[in-house]
PDB file of N, CA and C in Angstrom:
ATOM      1  N   MET A   1     -15.200 -51.526 -38.499  1.00  0.00           N
ATOM      2  CA  MET A   1     -15.684 -50.096 -37.511  1.00  0.00           C
ATOM      3  C   MET A   1     -15.940 -50.229 -36.511  1.00  0.00           C
ATOM      4  N   GLN A   2     -15.718 -51.291 -35.417  1.00  0.00           N
ATOM      5  CA  GLN A   2     -15.932 -51.373 -33.872  1.00  0.00           C
ATOM      6  C   GLN A   2     -14.404 -51.003 -33.665  1.00  0.00           C
ATOM      7  N   GLN A   3     -13.737 -51.364 -34.406  1.00  0.00           N
ATOM      8  CA  GLN A   3     -11.783 -51.641 -33.358  1.00  0.00           C
ATOM      9  C   GLN A   3     -12.104 -49.872 -33.342  1.00  0.00           C
ATOM     10  N   ILE A   4     -12.207 -49.003 -34.705  1.00  0.00           N
ATOM     11  CA  ILE A   4     -11.848 -47.649 -34.883  1.00  0.00           C
ATOM     12  C   ILE A   4     -11.981 -47.074 -33.856  1.00  0.00           C
ATOM     13  N   SER A   5     -13.308 -47.734 -33.508  1.00  0.00           N
ATOM     14  CA  SER A   5     -13.933 -46.388 -32.299  1.00  0.00           C
ATOM     15  C   SER A   5     -13.627 -46.988 -30.371  1.00  0.00           C
ATOM     16  N   LYS A   6     -13.284 -47.810 -30.116  1.00  0.00           N
ATOM     17  CA  LYS A   6     -12.471 -48.561 -29.012  1.00  0.00           C
ATOM     18  C   LYS A   6     -11.531 -47.581 -29.187  1.00  0.00           C
ATOM     19  N   GLU A   7     -10.817 -47.681 -30.363  1.00  0.00           N
ATOM     20  CA  GLU A   7      -9.283 -46.764 -30.065  1.00  0.00           C
ATOM     21  C   GLU A   7      -9.468 -45.141 -30.022  1.00  0.00           C
ATOM     22  N   LYS A   8     -10.881 -44.758 -30.103  1.00  0.00           N
ATOM     23  CA  LYS A   8     -10.808 -43.359 -30.466  1.00  0.00           C
ATOM     24  C   LYS A   8     -11.183 -43.845 -28.929  1.00  0.00           C
ATOM     25  N   GLU A   9     -11.688 -44.667 -28.031  1.00  0.00           N
ATOM     26  CA  GLU A   9     -12.564 -44.181 -26.990  1.00  0.00           C
ATOM     27  C   GLU A   9     -11.183 -43.731 -25.719  1.00  0.00           C
ATOM     28  N   GLN A  10     -10.282 -45.129 -26.414  1.00  0.00           N
ATOM     29  CA  GLN A  10      -9.111 -44.996 -25.747  1.00  0.00           C
ATOM     30  C   GLN A  10      -8.418 -43.306 -25.634  1.00  0.00           C
ATOM     31  N   GLN A  11      -8.154 -42.829 -26.742  1.00  0.00           N
ATOM     32  CA  GLN A  11      -7.822 -41.573 -27.033  1.00  0.00           C
ATOM     33  C   GLN A  11      -8.515 -40.846 -26.246  1.00  0.00           C
ATOM     34  N   TYR A  12      -9.774 -40.806 -26.351  1.00  0.00           N
ATOM     35  CA  TYR A  12     -10.161 -39.984 -25.122  1.00  0.00           C
ATOM     36  C   TYR A  12     -10.052 -40.305 -23.532  1.00  0.00           C
ATOM     37  N   GLN A  13     -10.315 -40.979 -23.459  1.00  0.00           N
ATOM     38  CA  GLN A  13      -9.948 -41.706 -22.557  1.00  0.00           C
ATOM     39  C   GLN A  13      -8.380 -40.971 -21.907  1.00  0.00           C
ATOM     40  N   GLN A  14      -7.398 -41.387 -22.242  1.00  0.00           N
ATOM     41  CA  GLN A  14      -5.811 -40.589 -22.284  1.00  0.00           C
ATOM     42  C   GLN A  14      -6.034 -39.627 -22.361  1.00  0.00           C
ATOM     43  N   TYR A  15      -6.601 -38.826 -23.177  1.00  0.00           N
ATOM     44  CA  TYR A  15      -6.984 -37.337 -23.174  1.00  0.00           C
ATOM     45  C   TYR A  15      -7.358 -36.657 -21.593  1.00  0.00           C
ATOM     46  N   MET A  16      -8.787 -37.782 -21.589  1.00  0.00           N
ATOM     47  CA  MET A  16      -9.214 -37.334 -19.898  1.00  0.00           C
ATOM     48  C   MET A  16      -8.435 -36.719 -18.996  1.00  0.00           C
ATOM     49  N   GLU A  17      -7.227 -38.480 -19.024  1.00  0.00           N
ATOM     50  CA  GLU A  17      -6.596 -38.899 -17.799  1.00  0.00           C
ATOM     51  C   GLU A  17      -5.681 -37.774 -17.821  1.00  0.00           C
ATOM     52  N   LEU A  18      -4.747 -36.794 -18.788  1.00  0.00           N
ATOM     53  CA  LEU A  18      -3.773 -35.963 -19.391  1.00  0.00           C
ATOM     54  C   LEU A  18      -4.574 -34.518 -18.853  1.00  0.00           C
ATOM     55  N   GLU A  19      -5.627 -34.614 -18.960  1.00  0.00           N
ATOM     56  CA  GLU A  19      -6.518 -33.155 -18.748  1.00  0.00           C
ATOM     57  C   GLU A  19      -6.597 -33.536 -17.044  1.00  0.00           C
ATOM     58  N   LYS A  20      -7.312 -34.163 -16.296  1.00  0.00           N
ATOM     59  CA  LYS A  20      -6.824 -34.193 -15.102  1.00  0.00           C
ATOM     60  C   LYS A  20      -5.652 -34.352 -14.346  1.00  0.00           C
ATOM     61  N   GLU A  21      -4.594 -34.633 -14.638  1.00  0.00           N
ATOM     62  CA  GLU A  21      -2.649 -34.704 -14.619  1.00  0.00           C
ATOM     63  C   GLU A  21      -3.032 -33.005 -14.180  1.00  0.00           C
ATOM     64  N   VAL A  22      -3.173 -32.055 -15.872  1.00  0.00           N
ATOM     65  CA  VAL A  22      -2.577 -30.733 -15.246  1.00  0.00           C
ATOM     66  C   VAL A  22      -3.337 -30.228 -14.825  1.00  0.00           C
ATOM     67  N   MET A  23      -4.361 -30.400 -14.538  1.00  0.00           N
ATOM     68  CA  MET A  23      -5.175 -29.321 -13.617  1.00  0.00           C
ATOM     69  C   MET A  23      -4.883 -29.577 -12.368  1.00  0.00           C
ATOM     70  N   SER A  24      -4.827 -31.227 -11.721  1.00  0.00           N
ATOM     71  CA  SER A  24      -3.760 -31.697 -11.135  1.00  0.00           C
ATOM     72  C   SER A  24      -2.426 -30.893 -10.079  1.00  0.00           C
ATOM     73  N   THR A  25      -1.345 -31.064 -11.171  1.00  0.00           N
ATOM     74  CA  THR A  25      -0.742 -30.590 -11.183  1.00  0.00           C
ATOM     75  C   THR A  25      -0.560 -28.913 -10.695  1.00  0.00           C
ATOM     76  N   LEU A  26      -1.400 -28.224 -11.597  1.00  0.00           N
ATOM     77  CA  LEU A  26      -1.074 -26.891 -11.292  1.00  0.00           C
ATOM     78  C   LEU A  26      -2.182 -26.148  -9.735  1.00  0.00           C
ATOM     79  N   ALA A  27      -3.215 -27.140  -9.723  1.00  0.00           N
ATOM     80  CA  ALA A  27      -3.391 -27.050  -8.076  1.00  0.00           C
ATOM     81  C   ALA A  27      -2.407 -26.810  -7.468  1.00  0.00           C
ATOM     82  N   LYS A  28      -1.341 -27.870  -7.780  1.00  0.00           N
ATOM     83  CA  LYS A  28      -0.411 -27.975  -6.396  1.00  0.00           C
ATOM     84  C   LYS A  28       0.262 -27.125  -6.628  1.00  0.00           C
ATOM     85  N   VAL A  29       0.710 -26.248  -7.405  1.00  0.00           N
ATOM     86  CA  VAL A  29       1.684 -25.312  -7.572  1.00  0.00           C
ATOM     87  C   VAL A  29       1.556 -23.620  -7.418  1.00  0.00           C
ATOM     88  N   ARG A  30      -0.503 -23.846  -7.662  1.00  0.00           N
ATOM     89  CA  ARG A  30      -0.532 -22.509  -6.613  1.00  0.00           C
ATOM     90  C   ARG A  30      -0.794 -22.565  -5.305  1.00  0.00           C
ATOM     91  N   GLN A  31      -0.652 -24.503  -4.910  1.00  0.00           N
ATOM     92  CA  GLN A  31      -0.586 -24.346  -2.872  1.00  0.00           C
ATOM     93  C   GLN A  31       0.736 -23.805  -2.757  1.00  0.00           C
ATOM     94  N   TYR A  32       1.258 -24.749  -3.568  1.00  0.00           N
ATOM     95  CA  TYR A  32       3.266 -24.150  -2.702  1.00  0.00           C
ATOM     96  C   TYR A  32       3.199 -23.288  -2.386  1.00  0.00           C
ATOM     97  N   GLU A  33       2.767 -21.461  -3.908  1.00  0.00           N
ATOM     98  CA  GLU A  33       2.735 -20.320  -4.167  1.00  0.00           C
ATOM     99  C   GLU A  33       2.199 -20.053  -3.180  1.00  0.00           C
ATOM    100  N   ALA A  34       1.211 -20.221  -2.603  1.00  0.00           N
ATOM    101  CA  ALA A  34       0.353 -19.875  -1.506  1.00  0.00           C
ATOM    102  C   ALA A  34       1.325 -20.347  -0.493  1.00  0.00           C
ATOM    103  N   SER A  35       1.694 -21.364   0.121  1.00  0.00           N
ATOM    104  CA  SER A  35       2.162 -21.318   0.991  1.00  0.00           C
ATOM    105  C   SER A  35       3.731 -20.415   1.695  1.00  0.00           C
ATOM    106  N   MET A  36       4.215 -20.787   0.170  1.00  0.00           N
ATOM    107  CA  MET A  36       5.484 -19.481  -0.027  1.00  0.00           C
ATOM    108  C   MET A  36       5.021 -18.300   0.122  1.00  0.00           C
ATOM    109  N   THR A  37       3.791 -17.529  -0.171  1.00  0.00           N
ATOM    110  CA  THR A  37       4.221 -16.407  -0.131  1.00  0.00           C
ATOM    111  C   THR A  37       3.791 -15.766   1.433  1.00  0.00           C
ATOM    112  N   GLN A  38       3.112 -17.070   2.317  1.00  0.00           N
ATOM    113  CA  GLN A  38       2.265 -17.255   3.884  1.00  0.00           C
ATOM    114  C   GLN A  38       4.044 -16.945   4.443  1.00  0.00           C
ATOM    115  N   LEU A  39       4.933 -18.358   4.326  1.00  0.00           N
ATOM    116  CA  LEU A  39       6.166 -18.062   4.910  1.00  0.00           C
ATOM    117  C   LEU A  39       7.153 -16.809   4.896  1.00  0.00           C
ATOM    118  N   LYS A  40       6.929 -16.700   3.476  1.00  0.00           N
ATOM    119  CA  LYS A  40       7.160 -14.838   3.669  1.00  0.00           C
ATOM    120  C   LYS A  40       6.612 -13.810   4.527  1.00  0.00           C
ATOM    121  N   ARG A  41       5.819 -14.064   3.883  1.00  0.00           N
ATOM    122  CA  ARG A  41       4.681 -12.727   5.204  1.00  0.00           C
ATOM    123  C   ARG A  41       5.786 -12.766   6.952  1.00  0.00           C
ATOM    124  N   ASN A  42       5.126 -14.694   7.019  1.00  0.00           N
ATOM    125  CA  ASN A  42       5.538 -14.476   8.599  1.00  0.00           C
ATOM    126  C   ASN A  42       7.321 -14.419   8.848  1.00  0.00           C
ATOM    127  N   ILE A  43       8.076 -14.475   7.911  1.00  0.00           N
ATOM    128  CA  ILE A  43       9.264 -13.865   8.150  1.00  0.00           C
ATOM    129  C   ILE A  43       9.004 -12.358   7.979  1.00  0.00           C
ATOM    130  N   GLN A  44       8.638 -11.864   7.262  1.00  0.00           N
ATOM    131  CA  GLN A  44       8.786 -10.022   8.149  1.00  0.00           C
ATOM    132  C   GLN A  44       7.774  -9.583   8.917  1.00  0.00           C
ATOM    133  N   LYS A  45       7.297 -10.635   9.521  1.00  0.00           N
ATOM    134  CA  LYS A  45       6.422 -10.496  10.689  1.00  0.00           C
ATOM    135  C   LYS A  45       7.831 -10.376  11.636  1.00  0.00           C
ATOM    136  N   CYS A  46       8.235 -11.984  11.076  1.00  0.00           N
ATOM    137  CA  CYS A  46       9.566 -11.839  12.651  1.00  0.00           C
ATOM    138  C   CYS A  46      10.592 -10.720  12.406  1.00  0.00           C
ATOM    139  N   GLN A  47      10.884 -10.252  11.142  1.00  0.00           N
ATOM    140  CA  GLN A  47      12.247  -9.866  11.142  1.00  0.00           C
ATOM    141  C   GLN A  47      11.910  -7.937  12.007  1.00  0.00           C
ATOM    142  N   ILE A  48      10.382  -7.351  11.602  1.00  0.00           N
ATOM    143  CA  ILE A  48       9.565  -6.357  12.561  1.00  0.00           C
ATOM    144  C   ILE A  48      10.171  -6.774  13.634  1.00  0.00           C
ATOM    145  N   THR A  49       9.454  -7.762  14.233  1.00  0.00           N
ATOM    146  CA  THR A  49       9.981  -7.882  15.265  1.00  0.00           C
ATOM    147  C   THR A  49      11.456  -7.997  16.221  1.00  0.00           C
ATOM    148  N   LEU A  50      12.296  -8.379  15.329  1.00  0.00           N
ATOM    149  CA  LEU A  50      13.668  -8.433  15.754  1.00  0.00           C
ATOM    150  C   LEU A  50      13.886  -6.866  15.893  1.00  0.00           C
ATOM    151  N   LYS A  51      13.807  -6.483  14.560  1.00  0.00           N
ATOM    152  CA  LYS A  51      13.985  -4.750  15.141  1.00  0.00           C
ATOM    153  C   LYS A  51      13.090  -4.499  16.084  1.00  0.00           C
ATOM    154  N   GLU A  52      12.206  -4.372  16.532  1.00  0.00           N
ATOM    155  CA  GLU A  52      11.717  -3.631  17.791  1.00  0.00           C
ATOM    156  C   GLU A  52      12.301  -4.669  19.041  1.00  0.00           C
ATOM    157  N   LEU A  53      13.522  -5.522  18.832  1.00  0.00           N
ATOM    158  CA  LEU A  53      13.454  -6.411  19.677  1.00  0.00           C
ATOM    159  C   LEU A  53      14.871  -4.939  20.142  1.00  0.00           C
ATOM    160  N   GLY A  54      15.418  -4.706  19.308  1.00  0.00           N
ATOM    161  CA  GLY A  54      16.415  -4.241  19.338  1.00  0.00           C
ATOM    162  C   GLY A  54      16.297  -3.149  19.481  1.00  0.00           C
ATOM    163  N   SER A  55      15.076  -2.008  19.794  1.00  0.00           N
ATOM    164  CA  SER A  55      15.189  -0.802  20.134  1.00  0.00           C
ATOM    165  C   SER A  55      15.039  -1.091  21.202  1.00  0.00           C
ATOM    166  N   VAL A  56      14.014  -2.227  22.316  1.00  0.00           N
ATOM    167  CA  VAL A  56      13.979  -2.180  23.702  1.00  0.00           C
ATOM    168  C   VAL A  56      15.282  -2.294  24.340  1.00  0.00           C
ATOM    169  N   GLU A  57      15.226  -1.616  25.608  1.00  0.00           N
ATOM    170  CA  GLU A  57      16.330  -2.249  26.659  1.00  0.00           C
ATOM    171  C   GLU A  57      16.590  -2.660  27.536  1.00  0.00           C
ATOM    172  N   GLU A  58      17.596  -3.713  28.059  1.00  0.00           N
ATOM    173  CA  GLU A  58      16.862  -4.609  29.149  1.00  0.00           C
ATOM    174  C   GLU A  58      15.410  -4.535  30.722  1.00  0.00           C
ATOM    175  N   GLN A  59      14.974  -4.811  29.719  1.00  0.00           N
ATOM    176  CA  GLN A  59      13.436  -4.584  30.740  1.00  0.00           C
ATOM    177  C   GLN A  59      12.934  -6.285  30.386  1.00  0.00           C
ATOM    178  N   LYS A  60      11.757  -6.639  31.059  1.00  0.00           N
ATOM    179  CA  LYS A  60      11.040  -7.622  30.764  1.00  0.00           C
ATOM    180  C   LYS A  60      10.009  -7.032  29.385  1.00  0.00           C
ATOM    181  N   THR A  61      10.470  -8.466  29.323  1.00  0.00           N
ATOM    182  CA  THR A  61      10.024  -9.189  27.900  1.00  0.00           C
ATOM    183  C   THR A  61       9.144 -10.051  27.669  1.00  0.00           C
ATOM    184  N   PHE A  62       8.111  -9.530  27.102  1.00  0.00           N
ATOM    185  CA  PHE A  62       6.977 -11.182  26.935  1.00  0.00           C
ATOM    186  C   PHE A  62       6.782 -11.615  25.555  1.00  0.00           C
ATOM    187  N   GLN A  63       6.496 -12.973  25.699  1.00  0.00           N
ATOM    188  CA  GLN A  63       6.382 -13.934  24.399  1.00  0.00           C
ATOM    189  C   GLN A  63       4.794 -14.357  24.636  1.00  0.00           C
ATOM    190  N   PRO A  64       4.124 -13.731  23.505  1.00  0.00           N
ATOM    191  CA  PRO A  64       2.417 -14.188  23.107  1.00  0.00           C
ATOM    192  C   PRO A  64       2.524 -15.447  22.885  1.00  0.00           C
ATOM    193  N   VAL A  65       2.017 -16.508  23.699  1.00  0.00           N
ATOM    194  CA  VAL A  65       1.847 -17.352  23.637  1.00  0.00           C
ATOM    195  C   VAL A  65      -0.383 -18.018  23.363  1.00  0.00           C
ATOM    196  N   GLY A  66      -0.609 -17.689  22.499  1.00  0.00           N
ATOM    197  CA  GLY A  66      -2.242 -17.992  22.530  1.00  0.00           C
ATOM    198  C   GLY A  66      -2.442 -16.694  23.122  1.00  0.00           C
ATOM    199  N   LYS A  67      -3.183 -16.925  23.770  1.00  0.00           N
ATOM    200  CA  LYS A  67      -3.798 -15.747  24.893  1.00  0.00           C
ATOM    201  C   LYS A  67      -3.679 -15.342  26.459  1.00  0.00           C
ATOM    202  N   CYS A  68      -2.174 -15.773  25.946  1.00  0.00           N
ATOM    203  CA  CYS A  68      -1.433 -15.217  27.156  1.00  0.00           C
ATOM    204  C   CYS A  68       0.022 -15.007  26.711  1.00  0.00           C
ATOM    205  N   PHE A  69       0.838 -14.675  27.699  1.00  0.00           N
ATOM    206  CA  PHE A  69       1.710 -14.022  27.682  1.00  0.00           C
ATOM    207  C   PHE A  69       2.613 -14.575  28.494  1.00  0.00           C
ATOM    208  N   ILE A  70       4.462 -15.062  28.221  1.00  0.00           N
ATOM    209  CA  ILE A  70       5.310 -15.594  28.654  1.00  0.00           C
ATOM    210  C   ILE A  70       6.748 -14.770  29.564  1.00  0.00           C
ATOM    211  N   LEU A  71       7.435 -14.579  30.438  1.00  0.00           N
ATOM    212  CA  LEU A  71       7.720 -13.609  30.842  1.00  0.00           C
ATOM    213  C   LEU A  71       9.035 -13.953  30.101  1.00  0.00           C
ATOM    214  N   LYS A  72      10.250 -13.604  29.008  1.00  0.00           N
ATOM    215  CA  LYS A  72      11.317 -14.406  28.703  1.00  0.00           C
ATOM    216  C   LYS A  72      12.470 -13.385  28.679  1.00  0.00           C
ATOM    217  N   PRO A  73      13.589 -13.865  28.648  1.00  0.00           N
ATOM    218  CA  PRO A  73      14.724 -12.774  28.822  1.00  0.00           C
ATOM    219  C   PRO A  73      14.556 -11.856  26.938  1.00  0.00           C
ATOM    220  N   LYS A  74      14.634 -10.936  26.962  1.00  0.00           N
ATOM    221  CA  LYS A  74      14.412 -10.530  25.737  1.00  0.00           C
ATOM    222  C   LYS A  74      15.946 -11.419  24.465  1.00  0.00           C
ATOM    223  N   LYS A  75      17.056 -11.625  24.764  1.00  0.00           N
ATOM    224  CA  LYS A  75      18.077 -12.711  24.337  1.00  0.00           C
ATOM    225  C   LYS A  75      17.067 -13.713  23.955  1.00  0.00           C
ATOM    226  N   ASP A  76      16.444 -14.719  24.014  1.00  0.00           N
ATOM    227  CA  ASP A  76      15.555 -16.076  24.613  1.00  0.00           C
ATOM    228  C   ASP A  76      14.610 -15.718  23.356  1.00  0.00           C
ATOM    229  N   ILE A  77      13.672 -14.607  23.407  1.00  0.00           N
ATOM    230  CA  ILE A  77      12.750 -14.295  22.415  1.00  0.00           C
ATOM    231  C   ILE A  77      13.574 -13.820  21.388  1.00  0.00           C
ATOM    232  N   ALA A  78      14.338 -12.828  21.261  1.00  0.00           N
ATOM    233  CA  ALA A  78      15.308 -12.440  19.573  1.00  0.00           C
ATOM    234  C   ALA A  78      16.135 -14.330  19.460  1.00  0.00           C
ATOM    235  N   ASN A  79      16.494 -14.786  20.044  1.00  0.00           N
ATOM    236  CA  ASN A  79      17.027 -16.252  19.547  1.00  0.00           C
ATOM    237  C   ASN A  79      16.010 -17.349  18.888  1.00  0.00           C
ATOM    238  N   GLU A  80      14.571 -17.475  19.574  1.00  0.00           N
ATOM    239  CA  GLU A  80      13.642 -18.000  19.081  1.00  0.00           C
ATOM    240  C   GLU A  80      13.275 -17.646  17.513  1.00  0.00           C
ATOM    241  N   VAL A  81      12.911 -16.877  17.286  1.00  0.00           N
ATOM    242  CA  VAL A  81      12.604 -15.228  16.212  1.00  0.00           C
ATOM    243  C   VAL A  81      13.700 -15.942  15.266  1.00  0.00           C
ATOM    244  N   ILE A  82      14.797 -15.877  15.491  1.00  0.00           N
ATOM    245  CA  ILE A  82      16.120 -15.969  14.347  1.00  0.00           C
ATOM    246  C   ILE A  82      15.703 -17.414  13.917  1.00  0.00           C
ATOM    247  N   GLU A  83      15.540 -18.242  14.950  1.00  0.00           N
ATOM    248  CA  GLU A  83      15.019 -19.964  14.511  1.00  0.00           C
ATOM    249  C   GLU A  83      14.095 -19.750  14.133  1.00  0.00           C
ATOM    250  N   ILE A  84      13.239 -18.983  14.248  1.00  0.00           N
ATOM    251  CA  ILE A  84      11.971 -18.944  13.438  1.00  0.00           C
ATOM    252  C   ILE A  84      12.368 -19.222  12.066  1.00  0.00           C
ATOM    253  N   ILE A  85      13.157 -17.459  11.818  1.00  0.00           N
ATOM    254  CA  ILE A  85      13.407 -17.386  10.357  1.00  0.00           C
ATOM    255  C   ILE A  85      13.880 -18.586   9.429  1.00  0.00           C
ATOM    256  N   LYS A  86      14.502 -18.759  10.731  1.00  0.00           N
ATOM    257  CA  LYS A  86      15.606 -19.695   9.371  1.00  0.00           C
ATOM    258  C   LYS A  86      15.235 -20.944   9.038  1.00  0.00           C
ATOM    259  N   SER A  87      14.069 -21.286   9.975  1.00  0.00           N
ATOM    260  CA  SER A  87      13.294 -22.372   9.134  1.00  0.00           C
ATOM    261  C   SER A  87      11.913 -22.140   8.489  1.00  0.00           C
ATOM    262  N   HIS A  88      11.681 -21.042   8.204  1.00  0.00           N
ATOM    263  CA  HIS A  88      10.653 -20.837   7.069  1.00  0.00           C
ATOM    264  C   HIS A  88      11.572 -19.963   6.242  1.00  0.00           C
ATOM    265  N   GLU A  89      12.376 -19.857   5.781  1.00  0.00           N
ATOM    266  CA  GLU A  89      13.761 -19.617   4.884  1.00  0.00           C
ATOM    267  C   GLU A  89      14.190 -21.188   4.049  1.00  0.00           C
ATOM    268  N   LYS A  90      14.486 -22.092   5.044  1.00  0.00           N
ATOM    269  CA  LYS A  90      14.235 -23.524   4.871  1.00  0.00           C
ATOM    270  C   LYS A  90      13.497 -24.161   4.174  1.00  0.00           C
ATOM    271  N   ASP A  91      12.301 -23.984   4.493  1.00  0.00           N
ATOM    272  CA  ASP A  91      10.667 -24.558   3.808  1.00  0.00           C
ATOM    273  C   ASP A  91      10.895 -23.831   2.206  1.00  0.00           C
ATOM    274  N   ILE A  92      10.675 -22.647   2.592  1.00  0.00           N
ATOM    275  CA  ILE A  92      10.590 -21.813   0.944  1.00  0.00           C
ATOM    276  C   ILE A  92      11.326 -22.667   0.306  1.00  0.00           C
ATOM    277  N   ASP A  93      12.773 -22.519   0.828  1.00  0.00           N
ATOM    278  CA  ASP A  93      13.782 -23.181  -0.145  1.00  0.00           C
ATOM    279  C   ASP A  93      13.058 -25.056  -0.772  1.00  0.00           C
ATOM    280  N   GLU A  94      12.297 -25.420  -0.316  1.00  0.00           N
ATOM    281  CA  GLU A  94      12.130 -26.814  -0.301  1.00  0.00           C
ATOM    282  C   GLU A  94      11.058 -27.172  -1.212  1.00  0.00           C
ATOM    283  N   TYR A  95      10.035 -25.564  -0.813  1.00  0.00           N
ATOM    284  CA  TYR A  95       9.081 -25.458  -1.227  1.00  0.00           C
ATOM    285  C   TYR A  95       8.606 -24.825  -2.965  1.00  0.00           C
ATOM    286  N   GLU A  96      10.334 -24.390  -2.816  1.00  0.00           N
ATOM    287  CA  GLU A  96      10.508 -23.901  -4.533  1.00  0.00           C
ATOM    288  C   GLU A  96      10.939 -24.914  -5.348  1.00  0.00           C
ATOM    289  N   LYS A  97      11.837 -26.001  -4.993  1.00  0.00           N
ATOM    290  CA  LYS A  97      12.346 -27.177  -5.352  1.00  0.00           C
ATOM    291  C   LYS A  97      10.895 -27.719  -6.243  1.00  0.00           C
ATOM    292  N   VAL A  98      10.045 -28.160  -5.146  1.00  0.00           N
ATOM    293  CA  VAL A  98       8.987 -28.865  -5.564  1.00  0.00           C
ATOM    294  C   VAL A  98       8.135 -28.226  -6.089  1.00  0.00           C
ATOM    295  N   ARG A  99       8.266 -27.315  -6.375  1.00  0.00           N
ATOM    296  CA  ARG A  99       6.964 -26.112  -7.185  1.00  0.00           C
ATOM    297  C   ARG A  99       7.864 -26.401  -8.571  1.00  0.00           C
ATOM    298  N   GLN A 100       9.257 -25.908  -8.863  1.00  0.00           N
ATOM    299  CA  GLN A 100       9.858 -26.063 -10.050  1.00  0.00           C
ATOM    300  C   GLN A 100       9.509 -27.976 -10.762  1.00  0.00           C
ATOM    301  N   HIS A 101       9.990 -28.551  -9.953  1.00  0.00           N
ATOM    302  CA  HIS A 101       9.736 -29.651 -10.669  1.00  0.00           C
ATOM    303  C   HIS A 101       7.979 -29.720 -10.873  1.00  0.00           C
ATOM    304  N   LEU A 102       7.376 -29.479  -9.788  1.00  0.00           N
ATOM    305  CA  LEU A 102       5.586 -29.853 -10.590  1.00  0.00           C
ATOM    306  C   LEU A 102       5.225 -29.215 -11.588  1.00  0.00           C
ATOM    307  N   ILE A 103       5.961 -27.586 -12.179  1.00  0.00           N
ATOM    308  CA  ILE A 103       6.071 -27.106 -13.157  1.00  0.00           C
ATOM    309  C   ILE A 103       6.509 -27.633 -14.464  1.00  0.00           C
ATOM    310  N   THR A 104       7.837 -28.345 -14.378  1.00  0.00           N
ATOM    311  CA  THR A 104       8.262 -28.702 -15.043  1.00  0.00           C
ATOM    312  C   THR A 104       7.493 -30.153 -15.719  1.00  0.00           C
ATOM    313  N   LYS A 105       6.849 -31.186 -14.480  1.00  0.00           N
ATOM    314  CA  LYS A 105       6.136 -32.293 -14.921  1.00  0.00           C
ATOM    315  C   LYS A 105       4.881 -31.706 -15.821  1.00  0.00           C
ATOM    316  N   GLY A 106       4.399 -30.335 -15.227  1.00  0.00           N
ATOM    317  CA  GLY A 106       2.831 -30.194 -15.613  1.00  0.00           C
ATOM    318  C   GLY A 106       3.257 -29.377 -16.739  1.00  0.00           C
ATOM    319  N   LYS A 107       4.542 -28.967 -17.973  1.00  0.00           N
ATOM    320  CA  LYS A 107       4.896 -28.428 -19.343  1.00  0.00           C
ATOM    321  C   LYS A 107       4.906 -29.827 -19.782  1.00  0.00           C
ATOM    322  N   GLU A 108       5.750 -31.261 -19.079  1.00  0.00           N
ATOM    323  CA  GLU A 108       5.652 -32.767 -20.042  1.00  0.00           C
ATOM    324  C   GLU A 108       3.834 -32.975 -20.517  1.00  0.00           C
ATOM    325  N   LYS A 109       3.347 -33.084 -19.097  1.00  0.00           N
ATOM    326  CA  LYS A 109       1.987 -33.234 -19.030  1.00  0.00           C
ATOM    327  C   LYS A 109       1.055 -32.460 -20.441  1.00  0.00           C
ATOM    328  N   GLU A 110       1.126 -30.822 -20.375  1.00  0.00           N
ATOM    329  CA  GLU A 110       0.581 -30.103 -21.376  1.00  0.00           C
ATOM    330  C   GLU A 110       1.028 -31.006 -22.873  1.00  0.00           C
ATOM    331  N   THR A 111       2.045 -30.731 -22.760  1.00  0.00           N
ATOM    332  CA  THR A 111       3.225 -31.463 -23.908  1.00  0.00           C
ATOM    333  C   THR A 111       2.813 -32.538 -24.698  1.00  0.00           C
ATOM    334  N   GLN A 112       2.102 -33.463 -23.568  1.00  0.00           N
ATOM    335  CA  GLN A 112       2.026 -34.936 -23.783  1.00  0.00           C
ATOM    336  C   GLN A 112      -0.154 -34.696 -24.193  1.00  0.00           C
ATOM    337  N   LEU A 113      -0.381 -33.431 -23.493  1.00  0.00           N
ATOM    338  CA  LEU A 113      -1.969 -33.157 -23.613  1.00  0.00           C
ATOM    339  C   LEU A 113      -2.122 -32.592 -25.365  1.00  0.00           C
ATOM    340  N   GLN A 114      -1.275 -32.110 -25.607  1.00  0.00           N
ATOM    341  CA  GLN A 114      -1.376 -31.457 -26.611  1.00  0.00           C
ATOM    342  C   GLN A 114      -1.514 -32.161 -27.841  1.00  0.00           C
ATOM    343  N   GLU A 115      -0.564 -33.069 -27.945  1.00  0.00           N
ATOM    344  CA  GLU A 115       0.041 -34.437 -28.869  1.00  0.00           C
ATOM    345  C   GLU A 115      -0.997 -35.428 -28.913  1.00  0.00           C
ATOM    346  N   ALA A 116      -1.619 -35.428 -27.816  1.00  0.00           N
ATOM    347  CA  ALA A 116      -3.285 -36.101 -27.544  1.00  0.00           C
ATOM    348  C   ALA A 116      -4.127 -35.297 -28.763  1.00  0.00           C
ATOM    349  N   MET A 117      -4.179 -34.014 -28.478  1.00  0.00           N
ATOM    350  CA  MET A 117      -5.024 -33.853 -28.588  1.00  0.00           C
ATOM    351  C   MET A 117      -5.618 -33.258 -30.847  1.00  0.00           C
ATOM    352  N   LYS A 118      -3.855 -33.139 -30.782  1.00  0.00           N
ATOM    353  CA  LYS A 118      -4.119 -33.403 -31.830  1.00  0.00           C
ATOM    354  C   LYS A 118      -3.863 -34.669 -32.839  1.00  0.00           C
ATOM    355  N   ALA A 119      -3.956 -35.981 -31.883  1.00  0.00           N
ATOM    356  CA  ALA A 119      -4.107 -37.137 -32.648  1.00  0.00           C
ATOM    357  C   ALA A 119      -5.879 -37.274 -32.705  1.00  0.00           C
ATOM    358  N   LEU A 120      -5.996 -36.550 -31.403  1.00  0.00           N
ATOM    359  CA  LEU A 120      -7.804 -36.699 -31.965  1.00  0.00           C
ATOM    360  C   LEU A 120      -8.093 -35.549 -32.968  1.00  0.00           C
ATOM    361  N   LYS A 121      -7.295 -34.456 -33.113  1.00  0.00           N
ATOM    362  CA  LYS A 121      -7.926 -33.889 -33.772  1.00  0.00           C
ATOM    363  C   LYS A 121      -8.797 -33.030 -33.619  1.00  0.00           C
ATOM    364  N   ILE A 122      -8.699 -32.336 -32.049  1.00  0.00           N
ATOM    365  CA  ILE A 122      -9.777 -32.146 -31.186  1.00  0.00           C
ATOM    366  C   ILE A 122      -9.650 -29.820 -31.795  1.00  0.00           C
TER     367      ILE A 122
END
């Protein structure tokens, strides 16, 4: 009788560990999704900036840095904004790969969790 209790206890521990892993994976997926959303917003801001720079003639242009502004040529500011967009797009691609991996891992853990529930008859 003691042996059965230990087996059940081990099954409960495995169940609890799997549940923690599933919750942790889901939290990481949400974090990556939030990061991707923020990067997409930044890309949109940069695209608006580029659009507005396109309508500006060759005149003094300033780039904001903290609470001050630095005089820079329009071409330099446009190039920096384009680089920011490329960087963000690259980050989004990497985040998407990690997010997909986490989703796959989470589904596997959920399957294991369901099997553990059946074994425990929960």
